[in-house]
Amino acid sequence: CLSLHKFPLISRSNYFRALQRSGMNDMAHVTLDGLPGGASSMELIADFCYNISVWDKLTVSNVGHVLCAASYLQMSGPSNLVQLCRSRIDTVAKDVACCLDILVNCVDVARAAEEEGVVKHCADTATRHWLNTVTTRHNV
């Protein structure tokens, strides 16, 4: 259970903004059953909403979960968390093994990861890395 102020959440999340507009002005207690990545994703999302840098906290083991959770909370748009996670995937997916690690860590959120393009992105990136390796080794 996290105790958070509603205004940082509303400023970054269309999901929370919609809750407030729907008459849930109190928002004293919001349960997010089914949030991809659960509490650990929500902690990073909260940090992001409070303008705490999460770039270095996004790793191969959690970036897929956080991306799916940010999408679930409708945190897209310029300079929002969905875009930050996508940029971070490009940074941490530096070889085929890292791409596979991201995918393996997304097994429990496979459907959301597929919908968010994590699977395709990692597969495409792994293929590019593999082709570069093959091309370099065989001077093609």
C-alpha atoms as a PDB file:
ATOM      1  CA  CYS A   1       0.000   0.000   0.000  1.00  0.00           C
ATOM      2  CA  LEU A   2       1.457   3.336  -1.079  1.00  0.00           C
ATOM      3  CA  SER A   3       0.328   6.663   0.325  1.00  0.00           C
ATOM      4  CA  LEU A   4       0.512   9.191  -2.483  1.00  0.00           C
ATOM      5  CA  HIS A   5      -0.875  12.620  -3.209  1.00  0.00           C
ATOM      6  CA  LYS A   6      -3.414  12.657  -6.022  1.00  0.00           C
ATOM      7  CA  PHE A   7      -2.112  15.735  -7.839  1.00  0.00           C
ATOM      8  CA  PRO A   8       1.218  14.265  -9.048  1.00  0.00           C
ATOM      9  CA  LEU A   9      -0.664  11.183 -10.266  1.00  0.00           C
ATOM     10  CA  ILE A  10      -3.374  13.216 -12.004  1.00  0.00           C
ATOM     11  CA  SER A  11      -0.767  15.392 -13.710  1.00  0.00           C
ATOM     12  CA  ARG A  12       0.868  12.379 -15.417  1.00  0.00           C
ATOM     13  CA  SER A  13      -1.899   9.789 -15.755  1.00  0.00           C
ATOM     14  CA  ASN A  14      -5.071   9.956 -17.831  1.00  0.00           C
ATOM     15  CA  TYR A  15      -6.320   6.995 -15.786  1.00  0.00           C
ATOM     16  CA  PHE A  16      -6.183   8.951 -12.527  1.00  0.00           C
ATOM     17  CA  ARG A  17      -7.464  12.075 -14.266  1.00  0.00           C
ATOM     18  CA  ALA A  18     -10.498  10.090 -15.451  1.00  0.00           C
ATOM     19  CA  LEU A  19     -11.073   8.764 -11.921  1.00  0.00           C
ATOM     20  CA  GLN A  20     -11.158  12.273 -10.579  1.00  0.00           C
ATOM     21  CA  ARG A  21     -13.479  13.500 -13.335  1.00  0.00           C
ATOM     22  CA  SER A  22     -15.834  10.572 -12.804  1.00  0.00           C
ATOM     23  CA  GLY A  23     -16.763  11.900  -9.404  1.00  0.00           C
ATOM     24  CA  MET A  24     -14.165  10.059  -7.388  1.00  0.00           C
ATOM     25  CA  ASN A  25     -12.885  13.384  -6.097  1.00  0.00           C
ATOM     26  CA  ASP A  26     -11.940  11.879  -2.759  1.00  0.00           C
ATOM     27  CA  MET A  27      -9.611   9.242  -4.251  1.00  0.00           C
ATOM     28  CA  ALA A  28      -8.666   8.352  -0.674  1.00  0.00           C
ATOM     29  CA  HIS A  29      -8.110   4.737  -1.589  1.00  0.00           C
ATOM     30  CA  VAL A  30      -7.590   3.390  -5.092  1.00  0.00           C
ATOM     31  CA  THR A  31      -6.986  -0.307  -5.686  1.00  0.00           C
ATOM     32  CA  LEU A  32      -5.097  -1.193  -8.831  1.00  0.00           C
ATOM     33  CA  ASP A  33      -5.772  -4.903  -9.183  1.00  0.00           C
ATOM     34  CA  GLY A  34      -4.152  -6.199 -12.325  1.00  0.00           C
ATOM     35  CA  LEU A  35      -1.503  -3.494 -12.606  1.00  0.00           C
ATOM     36  CA  PRO A  36       1.346  -5.111 -14.574  1.00  0.00           C
ATOM     37  CA  GLY A  37       4.363  -5.466 -12.315  1.00  0.00           C
ATOM     38  CA  GLY A  38       2.310  -4.774  -9.193  1.00  0.00           C
ATOM     39  CA  ALA A  39       3.701  -2.732  -6.334  1.00  0.00           C
ATOM     40  CA  SER A  40       7.275  -2.578  -7.632  1.00  0.00           C
ATOM     41  CA  SER A  41       6.080  -1.005 -10.901  1.00  0.00           C
ATOM     42  CA  MET A  42       3.855   1.392  -8.972  1.00  0.00           C
ATOM     43  CA  GLU A  43       6.792   2.518  -6.845  1.00  0.00           C
ATOM     44  CA  LEU A  44       8.728   3.537  -9.959  1.00  0.00           C
ATOM     45  CA  ILE A  45       5.617   5.175 -11.410  1.00  0.00           C
ATOM     46  CA  ALA A  46       5.177   7.142  -8.183  1.00  0.00           C
ATOM     47  CA  ASP A  47       8.807   8.265  -8.324  1.00  0.00           C
ATOM     48  CA  PHE A  48       8.289   9.414 -11.908  1.00  0.00           C
ATOM     49  CA  CYS A  49       5.105  11.305 -10.962  1.00  0.00           C
ATOM     50  CA  TYR A  50       7.009  13.032  -8.154  1.00  0.00           C
ATOM     51  CA  ASN A  51       9.723  14.064 -10.669  1.00  0.00           C
ATOM     52  CA  ILE A  52      12.312  11.674  -9.268  1.00  0.00           C
ATOM     53  CA  SER A  53      14.550  10.342 -12.027  1.00  0.00           C
ATOM     54  CA  VAL A  54      13.769   6.701 -12.796  1.00  0.00           C
ATOM     55  CA  TRP A  55      16.046   6.318 -15.841  1.00  0.00           C
ATOM     56  CA  ASP A  56      18.743   4.366 -13.968  1.00  0.00           C
ATOM     57  CA  LYS A  57      16.122   2.378 -12.053  1.00  0.00           C
ATOM     58  CA  LEU A  58      14.664   0.989 -15.300  1.00  0.00           C
ATOM     59  CA  THR A  59      16.572  -2.234 -15.965  1.00  0.00           C
ATOM     60  CA  VAL A  60      16.192  -5.316 -18.149  1.00  0.00           C
ATOM     61  CA  SER A  61      14.341  -6.941 -15.266  1.00  0.00           C
ATOM     62  CA  ASN A  62      11.663  -4.259 -14.823  1.00  0.00           C
ATOM     63  CA  VAL A  63      11.415  -1.979 -17.852  1.00  0.00           C
ATOM     64  CA  GLY A  64       8.850  -4.194 -19.588  1.00  0.00           C
ATOM     65  CA  HIS A  65       6.656  -4.300 -16.500  1.00  0.00           C
ATOM     66  CA  VAL A  66       6.884  -0.553 -15.951  1.00  0.00           C
ATOM     67  CA  LEU A  67       6.080   0.130 -19.614  1.00  0.00           C
ATOM     68  CA  CYS A  68       2.988  -2.093 -19.396  1.00  0.00           C
ATOM     69  CA  ALA A  69       1.931  -0.484 -16.102  1.00  0.00           C
ATOM     70  CA  ALA A  70       2.438   3.022 -17.506  1.00  0.00           C
ATOM     71  CA  SER A  71       0.304   2.105 -20.483  1.00  0.00           C
ATOM     72  CA  TYR A  72      -2.362   0.652 -18.164  1.00  0.00           C
ATOM     73  CA  LEU A  73      -2.392   3.996 -16.319  1.00  0.00           C
ATOM     74  CA  GLN A  74      -2.495   5.876 -19.646  1.00  0.00           C
ATOM     75  CA  MET A  75       0.791   7.685 -19.146  1.00  0.00           C
ATOM     76  CA  SER A  76       1.566   8.358 -22.790  1.00  0.00           C
ATOM     77  CA  GLY A  77       2.389  11.549 -24.604  1.00  0.00           C
ATOM     78  CA  PRO A  78       5.521  13.628 -24.916  1.00  0.00           C
ATOM     79  CA  SER A  79       7.889  13.332 -21.954  1.00  0.00           C
ATOM     80  CA  ASN A  80       5.674  10.822 -20.183  1.00  0.00           C
ATOM     81  CA  LEU A  81       6.567   7.405 -18.799  1.00  0.00           C
ATOM     82  CA  VAL A  82       5.537   5.209 -21.746  1.00  0.00           C
ATOM     83  CA  GLN A  83       7.967   7.069 -24.012  1.00  0.00           C
ATOM     84  CA  LEU A  84      10.692   7.048 -21.359  1.00  0.00           C
ATOM     85  CA  CYS A  85      10.377   3.258 -21.000  1.00  0.00           C
ATOM     86  CA  ARG A  86      10.545   2.754 -24.762  1.00  0.00           C
ATOM     87  CA  SER A  87      13.697   4.862 -24.922  1.00  0.00           C
ATOM     88  CA  ARG A  88      15.168   2.930 -22.015  1.00  0.00           C
ATOM     89  CA  ILE A  89      14.488  -0.398 -23.734  1.00  0.00           C
ATOM     90  CA  ASP A  90      16.583   0.867 -26.649  1.00  0.00           C
ATOM     91  CA  THR A  91      19.391   1.680 -24.218  1.00  0.00           C
ATOM     92  CA  VAL A  92      19.386  -1.497 -22.107  1.00  0.00           C
ATOM     93  CA  ALA A  93      18.817  -3.873 -25.032  1.00  0.00           C
ATOM     94  CA  LYS A  94      22.470  -3.665 -26.023  1.00  0.00           C
ATOM     95  CA  ASP A  95      22.814  -7.270 -27.177  1.00  0.00           C
ATOM     96  CA  VAL A  96      20.761 -10.378 -27.905  1.00  0.00           C
ATOM     97  CA  ALA A  97      21.042 -11.618 -24.297  1.00  0.00           C
ATOM     98  CA  CYS A  98      19.633  -8.358 -22.885  1.00  0.00           C
ATOM     99  CA  CYS A  99      16.734  -8.464 -25.353  1.00  0.00           C
ATOM    100  CA  LEU A 100      15.955 -12.011 -24.256  1.00  0.00           C
ATOM    101  CA  ASP A 101      16.245 -11.016 -20.579  1.00  0.00           C
ATOM    102  CA  ILE A 102      13.651  -8.284 -21.104  1.00  0.00           C
ATOM    103  CA  LEU A 103      11.307 -10.816 -22.722  1.00  0.00           C
ATOM    104  CA  VAL A 104      11.865 -13.489 -20.064  1.00  0.00           C
ATOM    105  CA  ASN A 105      11.130 -10.940 -17.351  1.00  0.00           C
ATOM    106  CA  CYS A 106       7.844 -10.072 -19.080  1.00  0.00           C
ATOM    107  CA  VAL A 107       6.456 -13.620 -19.062  1.00  0.00           C
ATOM    108  CA  ASP A 108       3.938 -12.823 -16.326  1.00  0.00           C
ATOM    109  CA  VAL A 109       2.654  -9.832 -18.318  1.00  0.00           C
ATOM    110  CA  ALA A 110       3.006 -11.432 -21.740  1.00  0.00           C
ATOM    111  CA  ARG A 111      -0.323 -10.224 -23.147  1.00  0.00           C
ATOM    112  CA  ALA A 112       0.297  -6.618 -22.087  1.00  0.00           C
ATOM    113  CA  ALA A 113       3.909  -6.807 -23.334  1.00  0.00           C
ATOM    114  CA  GLU A 114       2.675  -8.025 -26.712  1.00  0.00           C
ATOM    115  CA  GLU A 115       0.044  -5.277 -26.894  1.00  0.00           C
ATOM    116  CA  GLU A 116       2.611  -2.622 -26.001  1.00  0.00           C
ATOM    117  CA  GLY A 117       5.035  -3.831 -28.653  1.00  0.00           C
ATOM    118  CA  VAL A 118       7.706  -4.953 -26.176  1.00  0.00           C
ATOM    119  CA  VAL A 119       7.903  -8.398 -27.742  1.00  0.00           C
ATOM    120  CA  LYS A 120       8.214  -7.122 -31.316  1.00  0.00           C
ATOM    121  CA  HIS A 121      10.642  -4.379 -30.318  1.00  0.00           C
ATOM    122  CA  CYS A 122      12.927  -6.810 -28.472  1.00  0.00           C
ATOM    123  CA  ALA A 123      12.707  -9.384 -31.268  1.00  0.00           C
ATOM    124  CA  ASP A 124      13.579  -6.745 -33.879  1.00  0.00           C
ATOM    125  CA  THR A 125      16.433  -5.393 -31.764  1.00  0.00           C
ATOM    126  CA  ALA A 126      17.808  -8.892 -31.073  1.00  0.00           C
ATOM    127  CA  THR A 127      17.648  -9.667 -34.794  1.00  0.00           C
ATOM    128  CA  ARG A 128      19.558  -6.465 -35.613  1.00  0.00           C
ATOM    129  CA  HIS A 129      22.243  -7.303 -33.023  1.00  0.00           C
ATOM    130  CA  TRP A 130      22.513 -10.860 -34.325  1.00  0.00           C
ATOM    131  CA  LEU A 131      22.796  -9.709 -37.957  1.00  0.00           C
ATOM    132  CA  ASN A 132      25.470  -7.178 -36.993  1.00  0.00           C
ATOM    133  CA  THR A 133      27.423  -9.925 -35.227  1.00  0.00           C
ATOM    134  CA  VAL A 134      27.142 -12.310 -38.175  1.00  0.00           C
ATOM    135  CA  THR A 135      28.053  -9.580 -40.659  1.00  0.00           C
ATOM    136  CA  THR A 136      31.075  -8.522 -38.589  1.00  0.00           C
ATOM    137  CA  ARG A 137      32.354 -12.087 -38.134  1.00  0.00           C
ATOM    138  CA  HIS A 138      32.004 -13.006 -41.786  1.00  0.00           C
ATOM    139  CA  ASN A 139      32.906  -9.603 -43.266  1.00  0.00           C
ATOM    140  CA  VAL A 140      29.769  -9.645 -45.387  1.00  0.00           C
END
